[in-house]
C-alpha cells in the first residue's frame, strides 16, 4: 500500500551523523524508513476448525510458535500471538491473496499499513542501539525471529531480518513515528550512522 505522505516523510534525514568518522564502509550503521509496505493483521477466530499449519500464504507457512517468522524476498509473516500474525509485504496484491486463502468466516483480516511507521537499522552496532532503549535480551534474538516490546516507552515490534550485517525492521504506531525515530537516531549517534 502506498501512502501519499509517510509518517517520517519530513523527519528522516539523509547524510552522516554522530561519530561516523571512526567508522567506515560496512561498519557504519544505516538507518532508513521502509516505505510502500502492506501490513496486514490476521487473526483466526476461536470457532474456526481450520488448522493453521494447512494454510500457505505466498508459499509461506504461518509460523505457529513465538518468536518465529517465515519469509521470502517480498513477504514476511510474523507470529504475533496464538492464532494471530502480522503479514508484511511489498506485493501489491497481498491483501487479495490473503483473502483467497483465509475466508471471512474463519479469519479477521485488517489492513493496518497506514497506521505504522517502519524504520530499518542495519550494521554491526544495530543490537547495541536497540539495547539502549529495549528491555528484552537482544543478544538472544536470532534471524527470522520477532518480538513485541518497548523502546524508551514506545511499543514496537522488532523483526530480525538478516545477520550479514545485522538488520532489523522496527514497527511502531504511526502517531509515535517521529518520537521513535528520534530515539533510534539519538541512540545511534555514539556509533555514527548514515541516514539512507
N, C-alpha and C. Protein backbone atom coordinates (compact mmCIF):
# COMPACT_ATOMS: atom_id res chain seq x y z
N UNK A 1 0.85 -1.18 0.00
CA UNK A 1 0.00 0.00 0.00
C UNK A 1 0.89 1.24 0.00
N UNK A 2 0.60 2.19 -0.84
CA UNK A 2 1.40 3.40 -0.93
C UNK A 2 0.68 4.55 -0.25
N UNK A 3 1.37 5.19 0.68
CA UNK A 3 0.80 6.34 1.37
C UNK A 3 1.23 7.61 0.65
N UNK A 4 0.35 8.59 0.61
CA UNK A 4 0.69 9.87 -0.02
C UNK A 4 1.84 10.52 0.74
N UNK A 5 1.75 10.52 2.05
CA UNK A 5 2.81 11.08 2.89
C UNK A 5 3.08 10.07 3.99
N UNK A 6 4.31 9.60 4.10
CA UNK A 6 4.63 8.64 5.15
C UNK A 6 4.82 9.39 6.47
N UNK A 7 4.83 8.65 7.56
CA UNK A 7 4.94 9.28 8.87
C UNK A 7 6.28 9.95 9.10
N UNK A 8 7.30 9.55 8.35
CA UNK A 8 8.63 10.14 8.52
C UNK A 8 9.08 10.95 7.31
N UNK A 9 8.13 11.27 6.44
CA UNK A 9 8.42 11.96 5.18
C UNK A 9 9.30 13.20 5.37
N UNK A 10 8.96 14.01 6.36
CA UNK A 10 9.69 15.27 6.58
C UNK A 10 10.62 15.20 7.78
N UNK A 11 10.77 14.01 8.36
CA UNK A 11 11.58 13.83 9.57
C UNK A 11 12.91 13.16 9.25
N UNK A 12 12.85 12.08 8.46
CA UNK A 12 14.06 11.31 8.16
C UNK A 12 15.04 12.15 7.34
N UNK A 13 16.27 12.20 7.82
CA UNK A 13 17.31 12.98 7.14
C UNK A 13 18.36 12.04 6.56
N UNK A 14 18.80 12.36 5.35
CA UNK A 14 19.86 11.59 4.72
C UNK A 14 21.19 12.28 4.98
N UNK A 15 22.24 11.48 5.06
CA UNK A 15 23.57 12.00 5.34
C UNK A 15 24.23 11.20 6.44
N UNK A 16 25.34 11.71 6.94
CA UNK A 16 26.08 11.03 8.01
C UNK A 16 26.00 11.86 9.28
N UNK A 17 25.80 11.17 10.40
CA UNK A 17 25.56 11.85 11.65
C UNK A 17 26.32 11.17 12.78
N UNK A 18 26.57 11.93 13.84
CA UNK A 18 27.20 11.38 15.03
C UNK A 18 28.67 11.09 14.83
N UNK A 19 29.13 10.02 15.44
CA UNK A 19 30.55 9.66 15.49
C UNK A 19 30.95 8.80 14.30
N UNK A 20 30.52 9.21 13.10
CA UNK A 20 30.73 8.38 11.91
C UNK A 20 32.18 8.40 11.41
N UNK A 21 32.98 9.38 11.82
CA UNK A 21 34.35 9.48 11.32
C UNK A 21 35.19 8.26 11.70
N UNK A 22 34.86 7.62 12.82
CA UNK A 22 35.63 6.47 13.28
C UNK A 22 35.20 5.17 12.59
N UNK A 23 34.09 5.21 11.85
CA UNK A 23 33.59 4.03 11.16
C UNK A 23 33.77 4.20 9.66
N UNK A 24 33.85 3.08 8.97
CA UNK A 24 33.96 3.17 7.52
C UNK A 24 33.24 2.00 6.86
N UNK A 25 32.78 2.23 5.65
CA UNK A 25 32.19 1.17 4.84
C UNK A 25 31.10 0.40 5.52
N UNK A 26 31.26 -0.92 5.58
CA UNK A 26 30.23 -1.80 6.11
C UNK A 26 30.07 -1.69 7.62
N UNK A 27 31.00 -1.03 8.30
CA UNK A 27 30.89 -0.90 9.75
C UNK A 27 29.96 0.23 10.16
N UNK A 28 29.62 1.12 9.25
CA UNK A 28 28.77 2.25 9.56
C UNK A 28 27.30 1.81 9.59
N UNK A 29 26.63 2.18 10.65
CA UNK A 29 25.20 1.89 10.75
C UNK A 29 24.43 2.63 9.67
N UNK A 30 23.36 2.03 9.20
CA UNK A 30 22.45 2.69 8.26
C UNK A 30 21.06 2.69 8.87
N UNK A 31 20.41 3.84 8.80
CA UNK A 31 19.03 3.97 9.29
C UNK A 31 18.19 4.50 8.15
N UNK A 32 17.06 3.83 7.90
CA UNK A 32 16.19 4.27 6.80
C UNK A 32 14.74 4.03 7.17
N UNK A 33 13.86 4.71 6.46
CA UNK A 33 12.43 4.44 6.59
C UNK A 33 12.06 3.44 5.51
N UNK A 34 11.34 2.39 5.89
CA UNK A 34 10.89 1.41 4.91
C UNK A 34 9.48 1.83 4.47
N UNK A 35 9.34 2.06 3.16
CA UNK A 35 8.07 2.59 2.64
C UNK A 35 7.38 1.55 1.76
N UNK A 36 6.14 1.88 1.42
CA UNK A 36 5.35 1.10 0.47
C UNK A 36 5.20 -0.37 0.85
N UNK A 37 4.94 -0.59 2.12
CA UNK A 37 4.69 -1.94 2.60
C UNK A 37 3.22 -2.11 2.93
N UNK A 38 2.69 -3.28 2.65
CA UNK A 38 1.37 -3.65 3.16
C UNK A 38 1.60 -4.38 4.47
N UNK A 39 0.89 -3.96 5.50
CA UNK A 39 0.98 -4.61 6.81
C UNK A 39 -0.42 -5.07 7.17
N UNK A 40 -0.58 -6.38 7.25
CA UNK A 40 -1.89 -6.98 7.45
C UNK A 40 -1.91 -7.72 8.79
N UNK A 41 -2.94 -7.45 9.58
CA UNK A 41 -3.14 -8.15 10.85
C UNK A 41 -4.13 -9.28 10.58
N UNK A 42 -3.70 -10.51 10.80
CA UNK A 42 -4.52 -11.69 10.52
C UNK A 42 -4.79 -12.42 11.83
N UNK A 43 -6.08 -12.62 12.13
CA UNK A 43 -6.48 -13.31 13.36
C UNK A 43 -7.43 -14.44 13.00
N UNK A 44 -7.15 -15.62 13.51
CA UNK A 44 -8.05 -16.76 13.30
C UNK A 44 -9.06 -16.79 14.45
N UNK A 45 -10.35 -16.87 14.11
CA UNK A 45 -11.39 -16.92 15.12
C UNK A 45 -11.29 -18.20 15.95
N UNK A 46 -11.69 -18.12 17.22
CA UNK A 46 -11.66 -19.29 18.10
C UNK A 46 -12.55 -20.41 17.58
N UNK A 47 -13.67 -20.04 16.95
CA UNK A 47 -14.61 -21.06 16.46
C UNK A 47 -14.12 -21.77 15.20
N UNK A 48 -13.06 -21.26 14.59
CA UNK A 48 -12.56 -21.83 13.34
C UNK A 48 -12.03 -23.25 13.57
N UNK A 49 -12.37 -24.13 12.64
CA UNK A 49 -11.90 -25.53 12.70
C UNK A 49 -10.69 -25.75 11.78
N UNK A 50 -10.28 -24.72 11.05
CA UNK A 50 -9.14 -24.84 10.13
C UNK A 50 -7.84 -24.93 10.93
N UNK A 51 -6.98 -25.84 10.52
CA UNK A 51 -5.68 -25.95 11.15
C UNK A 51 -4.73 -24.94 10.49
N UNK A 52 -4.13 -24.01 11.24
CA UNK A 52 -3.26 -23.00 10.64
C UNK A 52 -2.09 -23.59 9.85
N UNK A 53 -1.63 -24.78 10.23
CA UNK A 53 -0.49 -25.37 9.52
C UNK A 53 -0.87 -25.88 8.14
N UNK A 54 -2.15 -25.81 7.78
CA UNK A 54 -2.57 -26.22 6.44
C UNK A 54 -2.64 -25.03 5.47
N UNK A 55 -2.41 -23.83 5.98
CA UNK A 55 -2.52 -22.62 5.15
C UNK A 55 -1.14 -22.15 4.75
N UNK A 56 -1.02 -21.82 3.46
CA UNK A 56 0.22 -21.20 2.96
C UNK A 56 -0.13 -19.90 2.27
N UNK A 57 0.58 -18.85 2.63
CA UNK A 57 0.41 -17.54 2.01
C UNK A 57 1.72 -17.19 1.32
N UNK A 58 1.66 -16.93 0.03
CA UNK A 58 2.88 -16.62 -0.74
C UNK A 58 3.90 -17.74 -0.59
N UNK A 59 3.42 -18.98 -0.55
CA UNK A 59 4.26 -20.18 -0.36
C UNK A 59 4.97 -20.21 0.99
N UNK A 60 4.42 -19.49 1.95
CA UNK A 60 4.98 -19.46 3.30
C UNK A 60 3.97 -20.04 4.27
N UNK A 61 4.46 -20.87 5.19
CA UNK A 61 3.59 -21.38 6.24
C UNK A 61 3.39 -20.31 7.30
N UNK A 62 2.26 -20.35 7.97
CA UNK A 62 2.04 -19.46 9.11
C UNK A 62 2.88 -19.96 10.28
N UNK A 63 3.76 -19.14 10.84
CA UNK A 63 4.53 -19.60 12.00
C UNK A 63 3.61 -19.86 13.18
N UNK A 64 3.84 -20.95 13.89
CA UNK A 64 2.93 -21.37 14.96
C UNK A 64 3.49 -21.14 16.35
N UNK A 65 4.73 -20.68 16.44
CA UNK A 65 5.35 -20.51 17.75
C UNK A 65 6.01 -19.14 17.86
N UNK A 66 6.03 -18.64 19.08
CA UNK A 66 6.78 -17.44 19.41
C UNK A 66 8.26 -17.79 19.42
N UNK A 67 9.16 -17.08 18.84
CA UNK A 67 9.09 -15.78 18.16
C UNK A 67 9.31 -15.91 16.65
N UNK A 68 8.74 -16.93 16.03
CA UNK A 68 9.09 -17.30 14.65
C UNK A 68 8.57 -16.34 13.58
N UNK A 69 9.34 -16.28 12.50
CA UNK A 69 8.98 -15.52 11.30
C UNK A 69 9.26 -16.42 10.10
N UNK A 70 8.32 -16.48 9.15
CA UNK A 70 8.61 -17.15 7.88
C UNK A 70 8.71 -16.05 6.83
N UNK A 71 9.61 -16.24 5.86
CA UNK A 71 9.87 -15.13 4.95
C UNK A 71 10.37 -15.60 3.59
N UNK A 72 10.10 -14.76 2.60
CA UNK A 72 10.76 -14.84 1.30
C UNK A 72 11.17 -13.41 0.93
N UNK A 73 11.54 -13.17 -0.31
CA UNK A 73 12.06 -11.85 -0.69
C UNK A 73 11.05 -10.73 -0.52
N UNK A 74 9.77 -11.02 -0.72
CA UNK A 74 8.75 -9.96 -0.72
C UNK A 74 7.86 -9.94 0.51
N UNK A 75 7.77 -11.05 1.21
CA UNK A 75 6.78 -11.16 2.29
C UNK A 75 7.41 -11.77 3.53
N UNK A 76 6.98 -11.23 4.69
CA UNK A 76 7.39 -11.77 5.98
C UNK A 76 6.13 -11.98 6.81
N UNK A 77 6.01 -13.15 7.44
CA UNK A 77 4.88 -13.44 8.32
C UNK A 77 5.41 -13.60 9.73
N UNK A 78 4.98 -12.71 10.61
CA UNK A 78 5.46 -12.69 11.99
C UNK A 78 4.41 -13.30 12.91
N UNK A 79 4.82 -14.23 13.76
CA UNK A 79 3.94 -14.73 14.81
C UNK A 79 3.73 -13.57 15.78
N UNK A 80 2.48 -13.28 16.08
CA UNK A 80 2.18 -12.14 16.95
C UNK A 80 1.58 -12.59 18.28
N UNK A 81 0.76 -13.62 18.24
CA UNK A 81 0.12 -14.21 19.41
C UNK A 81 -0.51 -15.52 18.92
N UNK A 82 -1.02 -16.34 19.83
CA UNK A 82 -1.70 -17.55 19.33
C UNK A 82 -2.79 -17.19 18.33
N UNK A 83 -2.75 -17.84 17.17
CA UNK A 83 -3.71 -17.62 16.08
C UNK A 83 -3.72 -16.18 15.57
N UNK A 84 -2.61 -15.50 15.72
CA UNK A 84 -2.52 -14.09 15.30
C UNK A 84 -1.17 -13.84 14.63
N UNK A 85 -1.20 -13.17 13.46
CA UNK A 85 0.01 -12.93 12.70
C UNK A 85 0.02 -11.51 12.13
N UNK A 86 1.22 -11.00 11.89
CA UNK A 86 1.42 -9.78 11.11
C UNK A 86 2.04 -10.20 9.80
N UNK A 87 1.43 -9.79 8.71
CA UNK A 87 1.96 -10.12 7.38
C UNK A 87 2.45 -8.81 6.77
N UNK A 88 3.74 -8.76 6.48
CA UNK A 88 4.37 -7.55 5.95
C UNK A 88 4.89 -7.87 4.56
N UNK A 89 4.44 -7.10 3.57
CA UNK A 89 4.79 -7.47 2.20
C UNK A 89 4.93 -6.25 1.31
N UNK A 90 5.79 -6.38 0.33
CA UNK A 90 5.92 -5.35 -0.71
C UNK A 90 5.06 -5.69 -1.93
N UNK A 91 4.37 -6.83 -1.90
CA UNK A 91 3.50 -7.23 -3.01
C UNK A 91 2.22 -6.38 -3.01
N UNK A 92 1.87 -5.88 -4.18
CA UNK A 92 0.69 -5.01 -4.29
C UNK A 92 -0.61 -5.76 -4.07
N UNK A 93 -0.66 -7.02 -4.46
CA UNK A 93 -1.92 -7.77 -4.36
C UNK A 93 -1.97 -8.69 -3.15
N UNK A 94 -1.18 -8.40 -2.13
CA UNK A 94 -1.09 -9.31 -0.98
C UNK A 94 -2.43 -9.46 -0.27
N UNK A 95 -3.22 -8.38 -0.16
CA UNK A 95 -4.49 -8.47 0.57
C UNK A 95 -5.45 -9.43 -0.13
N UNK A 96 -5.55 -9.33 -1.44
CA UNK A 96 -6.45 -10.25 -2.16
C UNK A 96 -5.95 -11.68 -2.07
N UNK A 97 -4.63 -11.87 -2.07
CA UNK A 97 -4.08 -13.22 -1.91
C UNK A 97 -4.43 -13.80 -0.54
N UNK A 98 -4.36 -12.97 0.48
CA UNK A 98 -4.71 -13.43 1.83
C UNK A 98 -6.19 -13.77 1.90
N UNK A 99 -7.03 -12.91 1.33
CA UNK A 99 -8.47 -13.15 1.35
C UNK A 99 -8.84 -14.43 0.61
N UNK A 100 -8.09 -14.79 -0.42
CA UNK A 100 -8.34 -16.03 -1.15
C UNK A 100 -8.05 -17.26 -0.32
N UNK A 101 -7.10 -17.16 0.60
CA UNK A 101 -6.69 -18.31 1.42
C UNK A 101 -7.38 -18.34 2.78
N UNK A 102 -7.78 -17.16 3.25
CA UNK A 102 -8.34 -17.04 4.60
C UNK A 102 -9.72 -16.40 4.52
N UNK A 103 -10.76 -17.22 4.52
CA UNK A 103 -12.11 -16.69 4.34
C UNK A 103 -12.59 -15.95 5.58
N UNK A 104 -13.56 -15.08 5.39
CA UNK A 104 -14.04 -14.21 6.48
C UNK A 104 -14.81 -14.96 7.56
N UNK A 105 -15.21 -16.19 7.30
CA UNK A 105 -15.88 -16.97 8.34
C UNK A 105 -14.90 -17.51 9.37
N UNK A 106 -13.63 -17.60 8.99
CA UNK A 106 -12.62 -18.17 9.87
C UNK A 106 -11.54 -17.18 10.32
N UNK A 107 -11.43 -16.06 9.60
CA UNK A 107 -10.34 -15.12 9.88
C UNK A 107 -10.83 -13.66 9.84
N UNK A 108 -10.21 -12.85 10.67
CA UNK A 108 -10.36 -11.39 10.57
C UNK A 108 -9.09 -10.87 9.90
N UNK A 109 -9.27 -10.10 8.84
CA UNK A 109 -8.15 -9.56 8.07
C UNK A 109 -8.25 -8.04 8.13
N UNK A 110 -7.23 -7.39 8.70
CA UNK A 110 -7.26 -5.94 8.86
C UNK A 110 -6.00 -5.34 8.26
N UNK A 111 -6.19 -4.40 7.36
CA UNK A 111 -5.06 -3.68 6.76
C UNK A 111 -4.67 -2.56 7.71
N UNK A 112 -3.48 -2.68 8.31
CA UNK A 112 -3.00 -1.65 9.24
C UNK A 112 -1.80 -0.90 8.67
N UNK A 113 -1.61 -0.97 7.37
CA UNK A 113 -0.46 -0.35 6.72
C UNK A 113 -0.35 1.13 7.06
N UNK A 114 -1.46 1.83 7.02
CA UNK A 114 -1.46 3.28 7.23
C UNK A 114 -1.16 3.67 8.67
N UNK A 115 -1.21 2.72 9.58
CA UNK A 115 -1.08 3.05 11.00
C UNK A 115 0.29 2.74 11.58
N UNK A 116 1.25 2.38 10.74
CA UNK A 116 2.58 2.01 11.25
C UNK A 116 3.69 2.81 10.57
N UNK A 117 4.71 3.11 11.36
CA UNK A 117 5.97 3.64 10.84
C UNK A 117 6.97 2.49 10.91
N UNK A 118 7.75 2.30 9.86
CA UNK A 118 8.73 1.21 9.83
C UNK A 118 10.11 1.80 9.60
N UNK A 119 10.99 1.57 10.56
CA UNK A 119 12.37 2.03 10.49
C UNK A 119 13.27 0.81 10.38
N UNK A 120 14.24 0.86 9.48
CA UNK A 120 15.22 -0.22 9.37
C UNK A 120 16.55 0.28 9.88
N UNK A 121 17.17 -0.52 10.74
CA UNK A 121 18.52 -0.21 11.22
C UNK A 121 19.40 -1.40 10.84
N UNK A 122 20.53 -1.08 10.22
CA UNK A 122 21.40 -2.11 9.66
C UNK A 122 22.85 -1.79 10.01
N UNK A 123 23.58 -2.80 10.44
CA UNK A 123 25.00 -2.63 10.71
C UNK A 123 25.44 -3.39 11.94
N UNK A 124 26.76 -3.48 12.15
CA UNK A 124 27.28 -4.30 13.25
C UNK A 124 26.93 -3.78 14.64
N UNK A 125 26.55 -2.51 14.76
CA UNK A 125 26.19 -1.95 16.06
C UNK A 125 24.68 -1.86 16.27
N UNK A 126 23.89 -2.44 15.37
CA UNK A 126 22.43 -2.34 15.46
C UNK A 126 21.90 -2.88 16.79
N UNK A 127 22.43 -4.00 17.23
CA UNK A 127 21.97 -4.56 18.51
C UNK A 127 22.30 -3.64 19.67
N UNK A 128 23.47 -3.00 19.60
CA UNK A 128 23.87 -2.08 20.68
C UNK A 128 22.92 -0.89 20.76
N UNK A 129 22.46 -0.41 19.61
CA UNK A 129 21.49 0.69 19.60
C UNK A 129 20.20 0.24 20.26
N UNK A 130 19.72 -0.95 19.92
CA UNK A 130 18.47 -1.44 20.47
C UNK A 130 18.57 -1.68 21.97
N UNK A 131 19.73 -2.11 22.43
CA UNK A 131 19.92 -2.36 23.87
C UNK A 131 19.74 -1.10 24.70
N UNK A 132 19.95 0.05 24.11
CA UNK A 132 19.86 1.30 24.86
C UNK A 132 18.44 1.64 25.31
N UNK A 133 17.43 1.14 24.61
CA UNK A 133 16.08 1.52 24.99
C UNK A 133 15.11 0.37 25.13
N UNK A 134 15.63 -0.86 24.98
CA UNK A 134 14.76 -2.03 24.90
C UNK A 134 15.05 -2.99 26.05
N UNK A 135 14.04 -3.44 26.81
CA UNK A 135 14.29 -4.29 27.98
C UNK A 135 14.55 -5.77 27.67
N UNK A 136 14.25 -6.23 26.44
CA UNK A 136 14.47 -7.65 26.15
C UNK A 136 15.95 -7.92 25.89
N UNK A 137 16.34 -9.18 26.00
CA UNK A 137 17.72 -9.55 25.74
C UNK A 137 17.93 -9.65 24.22
N UNK A 138 18.43 -8.58 23.64
CA UNK A 138 18.62 -8.51 22.18
C UNK A 138 19.62 -9.56 21.71
N UNK A 139 20.57 -9.95 22.57
CA UNK A 139 21.57 -10.94 22.17
C UNK A 139 20.94 -12.30 21.87
N UNK A 140 19.77 -12.58 22.43
CA UNK A 140 19.14 -13.88 22.24
C UNK A 140 18.29 -13.95 20.97
N UNK A 141 17.94 -12.81 20.41
CA UNK A 141 17.09 -12.81 19.21
C UNK A 141 17.92 -13.26 18.01
N UNK A 142 17.31 -14.08 17.17
CA UNK A 142 18.01 -14.64 16.01
C UNK A 142 17.32 -14.21 14.72
N UNK A 143 17.99 -14.44 13.60
CA UNK A 143 17.40 -14.12 12.30
C UNK A 143 16.07 -14.86 12.17
N UNK A 144 15.10 -14.17 11.58
CA UNK A 144 13.75 -14.68 11.40
C UNK A 144 13.06 -14.96 12.73
N UNK A 145 13.37 -14.09 13.71
CA UNK A 145 12.64 -14.03 14.97
C UNK A 145 12.06 -12.63 15.08
N UNK A 146 11.01 -12.50 15.87
CA UNK A 146 10.42 -11.18 16.11
C UNK A 146 10.08 -11.07 17.59
N UNK A 147 9.85 -9.86 18.02
CA UNK A 147 9.49 -9.64 19.42
C UNK A 147 8.67 -8.37 19.54
N UNK A 148 7.61 -8.45 20.32
CA UNK A 148 6.87 -7.25 20.70
C UNK A 148 7.45 -6.76 22.00
N UNK A 149 7.82 -5.49 22.05
CA UNK A 149 8.49 -4.95 23.24
C UNK A 149 8.27 -3.44 23.27
N UNK A 150 9.08 -2.75 24.06
CA UNK A 150 9.05 -1.29 24.07
C UNK A 150 10.46 -0.77 23.82
N UNK A 151 10.54 0.44 23.28
CA UNK A 151 11.81 1.13 23.13
C UNK A 151 11.60 2.53 23.70
N UNK A 152 12.27 2.81 24.81
CA UNK A 152 12.07 4.08 25.52
C UNK A 152 10.59 4.39 25.73
N UNK A 153 9.84 3.37 26.14
CA UNK A 153 8.43 3.54 26.47
C UNK A 153 7.47 3.47 25.29
N UNK A 154 7.97 3.32 24.07
CA UNK A 154 7.12 3.24 22.88
C UNK A 154 6.98 1.77 22.48
N UNK A 155 5.75 1.31 22.32
CA UNK A 155 5.50 -0.08 21.93
C UNK A 155 5.97 -0.30 20.49
N UNK A 156 6.79 -1.34 20.31
CA UNK A 156 7.34 -1.63 18.98
C UNK A 156 7.33 -3.13 18.73
N UNK A 157 7.44 -3.48 17.45
CA UNK A 157 7.70 -4.86 17.04
C UNK A 157 9.07 -4.86 16.39
N UNK A 158 9.92 -5.75 16.85
CA UNK A 158 11.28 -5.90 16.29
C UNK A 158 11.29 -7.16 15.43
N UNK A 159 11.72 -7.01 14.19
CA UNK A 159 11.80 -8.13 13.24
C UNK A 159 13.26 -8.24 12.80
N UNK A 160 13.93 -9.34 13.19
CA UNK A 160 15.35 -9.56 12.85
C UNK A 160 15.39 -10.16 11.44
N UNK A 161 15.74 -9.33 10.47
CA UNK A 161 15.65 -9.67 9.05
C UNK A 161 16.89 -10.40 8.54
N UNK A 162 18.08 -10.00 8.99
CA UNK A 162 19.32 -10.54 8.43
C UNK A 162 20.44 -10.37 9.45
N UNK A 163 21.47 -11.21 9.35
CA UNK A 163 22.62 -11.04 10.24
C UNK A 163 23.92 -10.81 9.48
N UNK A 164 23.82 -10.42 8.23
CA UNK A 164 25.02 -10.15 7.43
C UNK A 164 24.84 -8.90 6.58
N UNK A 165 24.90 -7.70 7.17
CA UNK A 165 25.06 -7.40 8.60
C UNK A 165 23.73 -7.48 9.33
N UNK A 166 23.79 -7.30 10.67
CA UNK A 166 22.57 -7.31 11.47
C UNK A 166 21.60 -6.27 10.91
N UNK A 167 20.38 -6.71 10.60
CA UNK A 167 19.36 -5.83 10.04
C UNK A 167 18.05 -6.08 10.75
N UNK A 168 17.47 -5.00 11.28
CA UNK A 168 16.21 -5.07 12.00
C UNK A 168 15.20 -4.12 11.37
N UNK A 169 13.98 -4.59 11.18
CA UNK A 169 12.86 -3.72 10.86
C UNK A 169 12.11 -3.47 12.16
N UNK A 170 11.87 -2.21 12.44
CA UNK A 170 11.23 -1.81 13.69
C UNK A 170 9.90 -1.14 13.36
N UNK A 171 8.82 -1.69 13.87
CA UNK A 171 7.48 -1.17 13.59
C UNK A 171 6.92 -0.50 14.83
N UNK A 172 6.44 0.74 14.66
CA UNK A 172 5.81 1.48 15.75
C UNK A 172 4.53 2.11 15.21
N UNK A 173 3.64 2.45 16.11
CA UNK A 173 2.44 3.16 15.68
C UNK A 173 2.84 4.46 14.99
N UNK A 174 2.14 4.78 13.93
CA UNK A 174 2.43 5.97 13.14
C UNK A 174 2.47 7.24 14.00
N UNK A 175 1.56 7.33 14.96
CA UNK A 175 1.50 8.53 15.80
C UNK A 175 2.74 8.70 16.67
N UNK A 176 3.48 7.60 16.90
CA UNK A 176 4.73 7.68 17.65
C UNK A 176 5.95 7.67 16.74
N UNK A 177 5.73 7.66 15.42
CA UNK A 177 6.82 7.50 14.47
C UNK A 177 7.93 8.53 14.63
N UNK A 178 7.57 9.80 14.76
CA UNK A 178 8.58 10.85 14.87
C UNK A 178 9.40 10.70 16.14
N UNK A 179 8.72 10.49 17.27
CA UNK A 179 9.43 10.33 18.54
C UNK A 179 10.31 9.09 18.51
N UNK A 180 9.77 7.99 17.98
CA UNK A 180 10.53 6.75 17.89
C UNK A 180 11.77 6.93 17.03
N UNK A 181 11.61 7.60 15.90
CA UNK A 181 12.74 7.87 15.01
C UNK A 181 13.83 8.66 15.74
N UNK A 182 13.42 9.69 16.49
CA UNK A 182 14.41 10.49 17.22
C UNK A 182 15.11 9.67 18.31
N UNK A 183 14.38 8.77 18.97
CA UNK A 183 15.02 7.91 19.98
C UNK A 183 16.06 6.99 19.32
N UNK A 184 15.70 6.39 18.19
CA UNK A 184 16.63 5.48 17.50
C UNK A 184 17.87 6.24 17.01
N UNK A 185 17.66 7.36 16.34
CA UNK A 185 18.81 8.09 15.80
C UNK A 185 19.68 8.67 16.92
N UNK A 186 19.06 9.10 18.01
CA UNK A 186 19.83 9.61 19.14
C UNK A 186 20.69 8.49 19.74
N UNK A 187 20.13 7.30 19.85
CA UNK A 187 20.87 6.16 20.38
C UNK A 187 22.01 5.74 19.46
N UNK A 188 21.89 6.03 18.16
CA UNK A 188 22.91 5.63 17.18
C UNK A 188 24.04 6.65 17.06
N UNK A 189 23.89 7.84 17.61
CA UNK A 189 24.91 8.89 17.45
C UNK A 189 26.27 8.46 17.98
N UNK A 190 26.27 7.72 19.07
CA UNK A 190 27.55 7.26 19.67
C UNK A 190 28.38 6.47 18.67
N UNK A 191 27.72 5.68 17.83
CA UNK A 191 28.41 4.82 16.88
C UNK A 191 28.58 5.47 15.52
N UNK A 192 27.80 6.51 15.27
CA UNK A 192 27.77 7.14 13.96
C UNK A 192 26.86 6.35 13.03
N UNK A 193 26.10 7.05 12.21
CA UNK A 193 25.20 6.36 11.29
C UNK A 193 25.00 7.16 10.02
N UNK A 194 24.58 6.46 8.99
CA UNK A 194 24.21 7.10 7.73
C UNK A 194 22.70 7.00 7.59
N UNK A 195 22.06 8.12 7.38
CA UNK A 195 20.65 8.14 7.03
C UNK A 195 20.54 7.89 5.54
N UNK A 196 19.88 6.82 5.14
CA UNK A 196 19.79 6.46 3.71
C UNK A 196 18.33 6.40 3.28
